[in-house]
Amino acid sequence: GKPLAIADFPGQVIVLNVWGSWCAECREERAD
């Protein structure tokens, strides 16, 4: 419930991961 933006992390490398709780492949990669 908090605001979140990539702009909150200046100078950092950002990893964005698109996922859904219903996605089997997302479950496969979550531990990695």
Full PDB file with SEQRES, HELIX, SHEET, SSBOND, CRYST1, ORIGX, SCALE, CONECT and MASTER records, all heavy atoms in Angstrom:
SEQRES   1 A   32  GLY LYS PRO LEU ALA ILE ALA ASP PHE PRO GLY GLN VAL          
SEQRES   2 A   32  ILE VAL LEU ASN VAL TRP GLY SER TRP CYS ALA GLU CYS          
SEQRES   3 A   32  ARG GLU GLU ARG ALA ASP                                      
HELIX    1 AA1 ILE A    6  ASP A    8  5                                   3    
HELIX    2 AA2 ALA A   24  GLU A   29  1                                   6    
CRYST1    1.000    1.000    1.000  90.00  90.00  90.00 P 1           1          
ORIGX1      1.000000  0.000000  0.000000        0.00000                         
ORIGX2      0.000000  1.000000  0.000000        0.00000                         
ORIGX3      0.000000  0.000000  1.000000        0.00000                         
SCALE1      1.000000  0.000000  0.000000        0.00000                         
SCALE2      0.000000  1.000000  0.000000        0.00000                         
SCALE3      0.000000  0.000000  1.000000        0.00000                         
ATOM      1  N   GLY A   1       0.771  -1.235   0.000  1.00  0.00           N  
ATOM      2  CA  GLY A   1       0.000   0.000   0.000  1.00  0.00           C  
ATOM      3  C   GLY A   1       0.803   1.285   0.000  1.00  0.00           C  
ATOM      4  O   GLY A   1       0.245   2.367   0.168  1.00  0.00           O  
ATOM      5  N   LYS A   2       2.101   1.212  -0.237  1.00  0.00           N  
ATOM      6  CA  LYS A   2       2.956   2.402  -0.232  1.00  0.00           C  
ATOM      7  C   LYS A   2       3.308   2.804  -1.658  1.00  0.00           C  
ATOM      8  O   LYS A   2       3.413   1.958  -2.547  1.00  0.00           O  
ATOM      9  CB  LYS A   2       4.230   2.129   0.554  1.00  0.00           C  
ATOM     10  CG  LYS A   2       3.972   1.808   2.013  1.00  0.00           C  
ATOM     11  CD  LYS A   2       5.257   1.472   2.724  1.00  0.00           C  
ATOM     12  CE  LYS A   2       4.948   1.072   4.172  1.00  0.00           C  
ATOM     13  NZ  LYS A   2       6.094   0.454   4.801  1.00  0.00           N  
ATOM     14  N   PRO A   3       3.546   4.101  -1.894  1.00  0.00           N  
ATOM     15  CA  PRO A   3       3.996   4.530  -3.223  1.00  0.00           C  
ATOM     16  C   PRO A   3       5.377   3.936  -3.523  1.00  0.00           C  
ATOM     17  O   PRO A   3       6.216   3.818  -2.625  1.00  0.00           O  
ATOM     18  CB  PRO A   3       4.081   6.059  -3.123  1.00  0.00           C  
ATOM     19  CG  PRO A   3       3.556   6.434  -1.799  1.00  0.00           C  
ATOM     20  CD  PRO A   3       3.408   5.215  -0.963  1.00  0.00           C  
ATOM     21  N   LEU A   4       5.588   3.568  -4.781  1.00  0.00           N  
ATOM     22  CA  LEU A   4       6.845   2.959  -5.187  1.00  0.00           C  
ATOM     23  C   LEU A   4       7.141   3.384  -6.622  1.00  0.00           C  
ATOM     24  O   LEU A   4       6.253   3.341  -7.477  1.00  0.00           O  
ATOM     25  CB  LEU A   4       6.738   1.426  -5.100  1.00  0.00           C  
ATOM     26  CG  LEU A   4       7.944   0.592  -5.495  1.00  0.00           C  
ATOM     27  CD1 LEU A   4       9.144   0.897  -4.608  1.00  0.00           C  
ATOM     28  CD2 LEU A   4       7.597  -0.891  -5.433  1.00  0.00           C  
ATOM     29  N   ALA A   5       8.381   3.816  -6.862  1.00  0.00           N  
ATOM     30  CA  ALA A   5       8.775   4.270  -8.201  1.00  0.00           C  
ATOM     31  C   ALA A   5      10.261   4.014  -8.412  1.00  0.00           C  
ATOM     32  O   ALA A   5      11.046   4.031  -7.443  1.00  0.00           O  
ATOM     33  CB  ALA A   5       8.488   5.759  -8.362  1.00  0.00           C  
ATOM     34  N   ILE A   6      10.655   3.813  -9.665  1.00  0.00           N  
ATOM     35  CA  ILE A   6      12.082   3.655  -9.938  1.00  0.00           C  
ATOM     36  C   ILE A   6      12.824   4.941  -9.601  1.00  0.00           C  
ATOM     37  O   ILE A   6      13.997   4.884  -9.228  1.00  0.00           O  
ATOM     38  CB  ILE A   6      12.371   3.188 -11.382  1.00  0.00           C  
ATOM     39  CG1 ILE A   6      11.888   4.188 -12.417  1.00  0.00           C  
ATOM     40  CG2 ILE A   6      11.801   1.807 -11.635  1.00  0.00           C  
ATOM     41  CD1 ILE A   6      12.336   3.865 -13.846  1.00  0.00           C  
ATOM     42  N   ALA A   7      12.159   6.078  -9.688  1.00  0.00           N  
ATOM     43  CA  ALA A   7      12.790   7.353  -9.351  1.00  0.00           C  
ATOM     44  C   ALA A   7      13.214   7.415  -7.883  1.00  0.00           C  
ATOM     45  O   ALA A   7      14.059   8.240  -7.512  1.00  0.00           O  
ATOM     46  CB  ALA A   7      11.845   8.509  -9.668  1.00  0.00           C  
ATOM     47  N   ASP A   8      12.686   6.526  -7.046  1.00  0.00           N  
ATOM     48  CA  ASP A   8      13.069   6.471  -5.626  1.00  0.00           C  
ATOM     49  C   ASP A   8      14.470   5.897  -5.436  1.00  0.00           C  
ATOM     50  O   ASP A   8      14.981   5.907  -4.316  1.00  0.00           O  
ATOM     51  CB  ASP A   8      12.088   5.586  -4.836  1.00  0.00           C  
ATOM     52  CG  ASP A   8      10.669   6.120  -4.831  1.00  0.00           C  
ATOM     53  OD1 ASP A   8      10.470   7.333  -5.025  1.00  0.00           O  
ATOM     54  OD2 ASP A   8       9.752   5.297  -4.648  1.00  0.00           O  
ATOM     55  N   PHE A   9      15.096   5.407  -6.516  1.00  0.00           N  
ATOM     56  CA  PHE A   9      16.380   4.719  -6.419  1.00  0.00           C  
ATOM     57  C   PHE A   9      17.393   5.300  -7.405  1.00  0.00           C  
ATOM     58  O   PHE A   9      17.905   4.598  -8.279  1.00  0.00           O  
ATOM     59  CB  PHE A   9      16.189   3.216  -6.658  1.00  0.00           C  
ATOM     60  CG  PHE A   9      15.144   2.609  -5.757  1.00  0.00           C  
ATOM     61  CD1 PHE A   9      13.850   2.408  -6.211  1.00  0.00           C  
ATOM     62  CD2 PHE A   9      15.452   2.288  -4.445  1.00  0.00           C  
ATOM     63  CE1 PHE A   9      12.875   1.870  -5.376  1.00  0.00           C  
ATOM     64  CE2 PHE A   9      14.490   1.763  -3.597  1.00  0.00           C  
ATOM     65  CZ  PHE A   9      13.202   1.557  -4.062  1.00  0.00           C  
ATOM     66  N   PRO A  10      17.717   6.598  -7.271  1.00  0.00           N  
ATOM     67  CA  PRO A  10      18.649   7.224  -8.215  1.00  0.00           C  
ATOM     68  C   PRO A  10      20.030   6.579  -8.136  1.00  0.00           C  
ATOM     69  O   PRO A  10      20.499   6.209  -7.064  1.00  0.00           O  
ATOM     70  CB  PRO A  10      18.686   8.682  -7.753  1.00  0.00           C  
ATOM     71  CG  PRO A  10      18.265   8.660  -6.324  1.00  0.00           C  
ATOM     72  CD  PRO A  10      17.313   7.500  -6.200  1.00  0.00           C  
ATOM     73  N   GLY A  11      20.642   6.412  -9.302  1.00  0.00           N  
ATOM     74  CA  GLY A  11      21.988   5.876  -9.372  1.00  0.00           C  
ATOM     75  C   GLY A  11      22.106   4.385  -9.154  1.00  0.00           C  
ATOM     76  O   GLY A  11      23.211   3.842  -9.157  1.00  0.00           O  
ATOM     77  N   GLN A  12      20.983   3.703  -8.988  1.00  0.00           N  
ATOM     78  CA  GLN A  12      21.018   2.258  -8.782  1.00  0.00           C  
ATOM     79  C   GLN A  12      20.622   1.523 -10.057  1.00  0.00           C  
ATOM     80  O   GLN A  12      19.786   1.994 -10.819  1.00  0.00           O  
ATOM     81  CB  GLN A  12      20.059   1.838  -7.663  1.00  0.00           C  
ATOM     82  CG  GLN A  12      20.512   2.284  -6.287  1.00  0.00           C  
ATOM     83  CD  GLN A  12      19.628   1.718  -5.206  1.00  0.00           C  
ATOM     84  OE1 GLN A  12      18.470   2.062  -5.111  1.00  0.00           O  
ATOM     85  NE2 GLN A  12      20.194   0.844  -4.391  1.00  0.00           N  
ATOM     86  N   VAL A  13      21.237   0.367 -10.272  1.00  0.00           N  
ATOM     87  CA  VAL A  13      20.760  -0.550 -11.302  1.00  0.00           C  
ATOM     88  C   VAL A  13      19.423  -1.075 -10.798  1.00  0.00           C  
ATOM     89  O   VAL A  13      19.269  -1.396  -9.623  1.00  0.00           O  
ATOM     90  CB  VAL A  13      21.758  -1.707 -11.531  1.00  0.00           C  
ATOM     91  CG1 VAL A  13      21.163  -2.777 -12.436  1.00  0.00           C  
ATOM     92  CG2 VAL A  13      23.074  -1.175 -12.097  1.00  0.00           C  
ATOM     93  N   ILE A  14      18.432  -1.132 -11.684  1.00  0.00           N  
ATOM     94  CA  ILE A  14      17.092  -1.596 -11.320  1.00  0.00           C  
ATOM     95  C   ILE A  14      16.779  -2.866 -12.096  1.00  0.00           C  
ATOM     96  O   ILE A  14      16.994  -2.939 -13.310  1.00  0.00           O  
ATOM     97  CB  ILE A  14      16.011  -0.539 -11.665  1.00  0.00           C  
ATOM     98  CG1 ILE A  14      16.320   0.821 -11.042  1.00  0.00           C  
ATOM     99  CG2 ILE A  14      14.615  -1.042 -11.311  1.00  0.00           C  
ATOM    100  CD1 ILE A  14      16.035   0.943  -9.585  1.00  0.00           C  
ATOM    101  N   VAL A  15      16.276  -3.868 -11.392  1.00  0.00           N  
ATOM    102  CA  VAL A  15      15.784  -5.093 -12.018  1.00  0.00           C  
ATOM    103  C   VAL A  15      14.269  -5.092 -11.856  1.00  0.00           C  
ATOM    104  O   VAL A  15      13.762  -5.119 -10.734  1.00  0.00           O  
ATOM    105  CB  VAL A  15      16.396  -6.352 -11.364  1.00  0.00           C  
ATOM    106  CG1 VAL A  15      15.771  -7.619 -11.957  1.00  0.00           C  
ATOM    107  CG2 VAL A  15      17.911  -6.364 -11.534  1.00  0.00           C  
ATOM    108  N   LEU A  16      13.554  -5.001 -12.971  1.00  0.00           N  
ATOM    109  CA  LEU A  16      12.091  -5.049 -12.968  1.00  0.00           C  
ATOM    110  C   LEU A  16      11.676  -6.451 -13.392  1.00  0.00           C  
ATOM    111  O   LEU A  16      12.124  -6.936 -14.432  1.00  0.00           O  
ATOM    112  CB  LEU A  16      11.513  -4.042 -13.957  1.00  0.00           C  
ATOM    113  CG  LEU A  16      11.840  -2.572 -13.714  1.00  0.00           C  
ATOM    114  CD1 LEU A  16      11.382  -1.724 -14.897  1.00  0.00           C  
ATOM    115  CD2 LEU A  16      11.185  -2.092 -12.430  1.00  0.00           C  
ATOM    116  N   ASN A  17      10.839  -7.080 -12.595  1.00  0.00           N  
ATOM    117  CA  ASN A  17      10.363  -8.418 -12.940  1.00  0.00           C  
ATOM    118  C   ASN A  17       8.845  -8.394 -13.014  1.00  0.00           C  
ATOM    119  O   ASN A  17       8.180  -8.099 -12.024  1.00  0.00           O  
ATOM    120  CB  ASN A  17      10.828  -9.454 -11.913  1.00  0.00           C  
ATOM    121  CG  ASN A  17      10.291 -10.828 -12.224  1.00  0.00           C  
ATOM    122  OD1 ASN A  17       9.342 -11.288 -11.612  1.00  0.00           O  
ATOM    123  ND2 ASN A  17      10.890 -11.490 -13.208  1.00  0.00           N  
ATOM    124  N   VAL A  18       8.312  -8.680 -14.195  1.00  0.00           N  
ATOM    125  CA  VAL A  18       6.866  -8.727 -14.415  1.00  0.00           C  
ATOM    126  C   VAL A  18       6.388 -10.134 -14.085  1.00  0.00           C  
ATOM    127  O   VAL A  18       6.903 -11.113 -14.634  1.00  0.00           O  
ATOM    128  CB  VAL A  18       6.522  -8.361 -15.879  1.00  0.00           C  
ATOM    129  CG1 VAL A  18       5.019  -8.373 -16.079  1.00  0.00           C  
ATOM    130  CG2 VAL A  18       7.120  -7.007 -16.251  1.00  0.00           C  
ATOM    131  N   TRP A  19       5.402 -10.239 -13.201  1.00  0.00           N  
ATOM    132  CA  TRP A  19       4.941 -11.529 -12.719  1.00  0.00           C  
ATOM    133  C   TRP A  19       3.458 -11.488 -12.391  1.00  0.00           C  
ATOM    134  O   TRP A  19       2.840 -10.435 -12.358  1.00  0.00           O  
ATOM    135  CB  TRP A  19       5.744 -11.956 -11.484  1.00  0.00           C  
ATOM    136  CG  TRP A  19       5.548 -11.056 -10.292  1.00  0.00           C  
ATOM    137  CD1 TRP A  19       6.192  -9.882 -10.030  1.00  0.00           C  
ATOM    138  CD2 TRP A  19       4.626 -11.240  -9.216  1.00  0.00           C  
ATOM    139  NE1 TRP A  19       5.733  -9.324  -8.860  1.00  0.00           N  
ATOM    140  CE2 TRP A  19       4.761 -10.141  -8.336  1.00  0.00           C  
ATOM    141  CE3 TRP A  19       3.694 -12.226  -8.917  1.00  0.00           C  
ATOM    142  CZ2 TRP A  19       4.004 -10.008  -7.176  1.00  0.00           C  
ATOM    143  CZ3 TRP A  19       2.943 -12.081  -7.756  1.00  0.00           C  
ATOM    144  CH2 TRP A  19       3.108 -10.995  -6.904  1.00  0.00           C  
ATOM    145  N   GLY A  20       2.910 -12.654 -12.119  1.00  0.00           N  
ATOM    146  CA  GLY A  20       1.548 -12.793 -11.618  1.00  0.00           C  
ATOM    147  C   GLY A  20       1.491 -14.023 -10.724  1.00  0.00           C  
ATOM    148  O   GLY A  20       2.195 -15.004 -10.974  1.00  0.00           O  
ATOM    149  N   SER A  21       0.662 -13.992  -9.702  1.00  0.00           N  
ATOM    150  CA  SER A  21       0.574 -15.129  -8.778  1.00  0.00           C  
ATOM    151  C   SER A  21       0.046 -16.380  -9.477  1.00  0.00           C  
ATOM    152  O   SER A  21       0.278 -17.493  -9.023  1.00  0.00           O  
ATOM    153  CB  SER A  21      -0.308 -14.784  -7.583  1.00  0.00           C  
ATOM    154  OG  SER A  21      -1.644 -14.558  -7.992  1.00  0.00           O  
ATOM    155  N   TRP A  22      -0.633 -16.217 -10.587  1.00  0.00           N  
ATOM    156  CA  TRP A  22      -1.243 -17.296 -11.354  1.00  0.00           C  
ATOM    157  C   TRP A  22      -0.284 -17.910 -12.372  1.00  0.00           C  
ATOM    158  O   TRP A  22      -0.608 -18.889 -13.038  1.00  0.00           O  
ATOM    159  CB  TRP A  22      -2.468 -16.752 -12.089  1.00  0.00           C  
ATOM    160  CG  TRP A  22      -2.171 -15.423 -12.724  1.00  0.00           C  
ATOM    161  CD1 TRP A  22      -2.422 -14.188 -12.200  1.00  0.00           C  
ATOM    162  CD2 TRP A  22      -1.520 -15.188 -13.975  1.00  0.00           C  
ATOM    163  NE1 TRP A  22      -1.971 -13.191 -13.047  1.00  0.00           N  
ATOM    164  CE2 TRP A  22      -1.412 -13.784 -14.143  1.00  0.00           C  
ATOM    165  CE3 TRP A  22      -1.015 -16.020 -14.957  1.00  0.00           C  
ATOM    166  CZ2 TRP A  22      -0.812 -13.205 -15.260  1.00  0.00           C  
ATOM    167  CZ3 TRP A  22      -0.425 -15.439 -16.076  1.00  0.00           C  
ATOM    168  CH2 TRP A  22      -0.338 -14.045 -16.210  1.00  0.00           C  
ATOM    169  N   CYS A  23       0.903 -17.362 -12.518  1.00  0.00           N  
ATOM    170  CA  CYS A  23       1.845 -17.716 -13.590  1.00  0.00           C  
ATOM    171  C   CYS A  23       2.799 -18.832 -13.140  1.00  0.00           C  
ATOM    172  O   CYS A  23       3.595 -18.647 -12.221  1.00  0.00           O  
ATOM    173  CB  CYS A  23       2.627 -16.455 -13.965  1.00  0.00           C  
ATOM    174  SG  CYS A  23       4.088 -16.714 -14.981  1.00  0.00           S  
ATOM    175  N   ALA A  24       2.720 -19.972 -13.807  1.00  0.00           N  
ATOM    176  CA  ALA A  24       3.570 -21.120 -13.453  1.00  0.00           C  
ATOM    177  C   ALA A  24       5.052 -20.816 -13.632  1.00  0.00           C  
ATOM    178  O   ALA A  24       5.875 -21.172 -12.792  1.00  0.00           O  
ATOM    179  CB  ALA A  24       3.174 -22.339 -14.293  1.00  0.00           C  
ATOM    180  N   GLU A  25       5.423 -20.149 -14.733  1.00  0.00           N  
ATOM    181  CA  GLU A  25       6.825 -19.820 -14.972  1.00  0.00           C  
ATOM    182  C   GLU A  25       7.351 -18.844 -13.919  1.00  0.00           C  
ATOM    183  O   GLU A  25       8.517 -18.875 -13.559  1.00  0.00           O  
ATOM    184  CB  GLU A  25       7.037 -19.244 -16.376  1.00  0.00           C  
ATOM    185  CG  GLU A  25       6.925 -20.286 -17.464  1.00  0.00           C  
ATOM    186  CD  GLU A  25       5.529 -20.304 -18.089  1.00  0.00           C  
ATOM    187  OE1 GLU A  25       4.624 -19.611 -17.595  1.00  0.00           O  
ATOM    188  OE2 GLU A  25       5.355 -21.033 -19.080  1.00  0.00           O  
ATOM    189  N   CYS A  26       6.471 -17.971 -13.408  1.00  0.00           N  
ATOM    190  CA  CYS A  26       6.870 -17.039 -12.349  1.00  0.00           C  
ATOM    191  C   CYS A  26       7.223 -17.815 -11.080  1.00  0.00           C  
ATOM    192  O   CYS A  26       8.189 -17.476 -10.384  1.00  0.00           O  
ATOM    193  CB  CYS A  26       5.752 -16.039 -12.056  1.00  0.00           C  
ATOM    194  SG  CYS A  26       5.290 -15.033 -13.483  1.00  0.00           S  
ATOM    195  N   ARG A  27       6.457 -18.845 -10.801  1.00  0.00           N  
ATOM    196  CA  ARG A  27       6.753 -19.685  -9.633  1.00  0.00           C  
ATOM    197  C   ARG A  27       8.087 -20.406  -9.822  1.00  0.00           C  
ATOM    198  O   ARG A  27       8.834 -20.604  -8.869  1.00  0.00           O  
ATOM    199  CB  ARG A  27       5.620 -20.673  -9.382  1.00  0.00           C  
ATOM    200  CG  ARG A  27       4.373 -19.983  -8.831  1.00  0.00           C  
ATOM    201  CD  ARG A  27       3.322 -20.974  -8.374  1.00  0.00           C  
ATOM    202  NE  ARG A  27       2.732 -21.765  -9.446  1.00  0.00           N  
ATOM    203  CZ  ARG A  27       1.723 -21.371 -10.218  1.00  0.00           C  
ATOM    204  NH1 ARG A  27       1.175 -20.177 -10.028  1.00  0.00           N  
ATOM    205  NH2 ARG A  27       1.246 -22.155 -11.149  1.00  0.00           N  
ATOM    206  N   GLU A  28       8.405 -20.801 -11.063  1.00  0.00           N  
ATOM    207  CA  GLU A  28       9.676 -21.474 -11.348  1.00  0.00           C  
ATOM    208  C   GLU A  28      10.870 -20.584 -11.037  1.00  0.00           C  
ATOM    209  O   GLU A  28      11.893 -21.063 -10.557  1.00  0.00           O  
ATOM    210  CB  GLU A  28       9.754 -21.873 -12.825  1.00  0.00           C  
ATOM    211  CG  GLU A  28       8.903 -23.039 -13.213  1.00  0.00           C  
ATOM    212  CD  GLU A  28       9.023 -23.341 -14.700  1.00  0.00           C  
ATOM    213  OE1 GLU A  28      10.064 -23.022 -15.315  1.00  0.00           O  
ATOM    214  OE2 GLU A  28       8.066 -23.899 -15.245  1.00  0.00           O  
ATOM    215  N   GLU A  29      10.770 -19.298 -11.348  1.00  0.00           N  
ATOM    216  CA  GLU A  29      11.925 -18.418 -11.220  1.00  0.00           C  
ATOM    217  C   GLU A  29      12.016 -17.707  -9.868  1.00  0.00           C  
ATOM    218  O   GLU A  29      13.026 -17.080  -9.574  1.00  0.00           O  
ATOM    219  CB  GLU A  29      11.942 -17.388 -12.350  1.00  0.00           C  
ATOM    220  CG  GLU A  29      10.885 -16.316 -12.222  1.00  0.00           C  
ATOM    221  CD  GLU A  29      10.966 -15.235 -13.293  1.00  0.00           C  
ATOM    222  OE1 GLU A  29      11.823 -15.295 -14.197  1.00  0.00           O  
ATOM    223  OE2 GLU A  29      10.149 -14.316 -13.211  1.00  0.00           O  
ATOM    224  N   ARG A  30      10.997 -17.791  -9.040  1.00  0.00           N  
ATOM    225  CA  ARG A  30      10.944 -16.967  -7.825  1.00  0.00           C  
ATOM    226  C   ARG A  30      12.116 -17.197  -6.880  1.00  0.00           C  
ATOM    227  O   ARG A  30      12.647 -16.255  -6.313  1.00  0.00           O  
ATOM    228  CB  ARG A  30       9.625 -17.144  -7.108  1.00  0.00           C  
ATOM    229  CG  ARG A  30       9.455 -18.472  -6.427  1.00  0.00           C  
ATOM    230  CD  ARG A  30       8.126 -18.582  -5.733  1.00  0.00           C  
ATOM    231  NE  ARG A  30       8.014 -19.906  -5.153  1.00  0.00           N  
ATOM    232  CZ  ARG A  30       6.906 -20.529  -4.944  1.00  0.00           C  
ATOM    233  NH1 ARG A  30       5.762 -19.954  -5.264  1.00  0.00           N  
ATOM    234  NH2 ARG A  30       6.895 -21.717  -4.417  1.00  0.00           N  
ATOM    235  N   ALA A  31      12.538 -18.437  -6.675  1.00  0.00           N  
ATOM    236  CA  ALA A  31      13.662 -18.697  -5.765  1.00  0.00           C  
ATOM    237  C   ALA A  31      14.956 -18.102  -6.316  1.00  0.00           C  
ATOM    238  O   ALA A  31      15.763 -17.532  -5.561  1.00  0.00           O  
ATOM    239  CB  ALA A  31      13.813 -20.190  -5.515  1.00  0.00           C  
ATOM    240  N   ASP A  32      15.164 -18.215  -7.640  1.00  0.00           N  
ATOM    241  CA  ASP A  32      16.361 -17.641  -8.250  1.00  0.00           C  
ATOM    242  C   ASP A  32      16.349 -16.116  -8.156  1.00  0.00           C  
ATOM    243  O   ASP A  32      17.377 -15.494  -7.885  1.00  0.00           O  
ATOM    244  CB  ASP A  32      16.482 -18.071  -9.716  1.00  0.00           C  
ATOM    245  CG  ASP A  32      17.029 -19.481  -9.868  1.00  0.00           C  
ATOM    246  OD1 ASP A  32      17.642 -20.003  -8.919  1.00  0.00           O  
ATOM    247  OD2 ASP A  32      16.848 -20.060 -10.954  1.00  0.00           O  
TER     248      ASP A  32                                                      
MASTER        0    0    0    2    0    0    0    6  247    1    0    3          
END                                                                             
